[in-house]
Amino acid sequence: MVVAGRAEITSDPSSEARDQLRLRYTLGAATGDAYFNAGFSVVVQDIVLGPWLRDYVGLIKSRPLCVVALAPRPDIVAAREASRSKSAYQAGFDTIAALDHALRVETPRIGLWLDTSEQTPRETADEIVARVWDEARIA
């Protein structure tokens, strides 16, 4: 959302880039909480990898709280990226393999993790709805 003065997240982010990412997560959590407090059911969607996931979850005060991680195979991410007019998921990573490593190795396994490699968006949504309350609730 930052246009002028944006610091890109890279594999070795600057302190300014980390501050901007932290602000993005803080605002996302606060926005979700505000909608929840106004009586809405809320879904906050973002790309949150590595130790940032625990930090982000800690920022969200509304309960109940569920976490769902979509984890398609790297070859599927590459194919999906190739079909897009802009890079959706690779920003900040030199390769899709590095992105996948950050997801599978550096990100804590909390909530429901789904391999969506062979699913349509509708199938993914249906699976989330079917499993979220039993498997994704963390608080």
Foldseek 3Di string as FASTA:
>chain_A
DDDPPAFFAALDGDPRNVVVVVVVLLVLQVVQQVCVVVPDDDDRDDDAFAPRVVVSVVSHDDPQDFDEAEQADLVLLVVVCVPDPDGDQCTRYPGSVRSNCRHPPRGDPAAHYHHCSPDDPVRVVVVCVVCTVPTGGDD
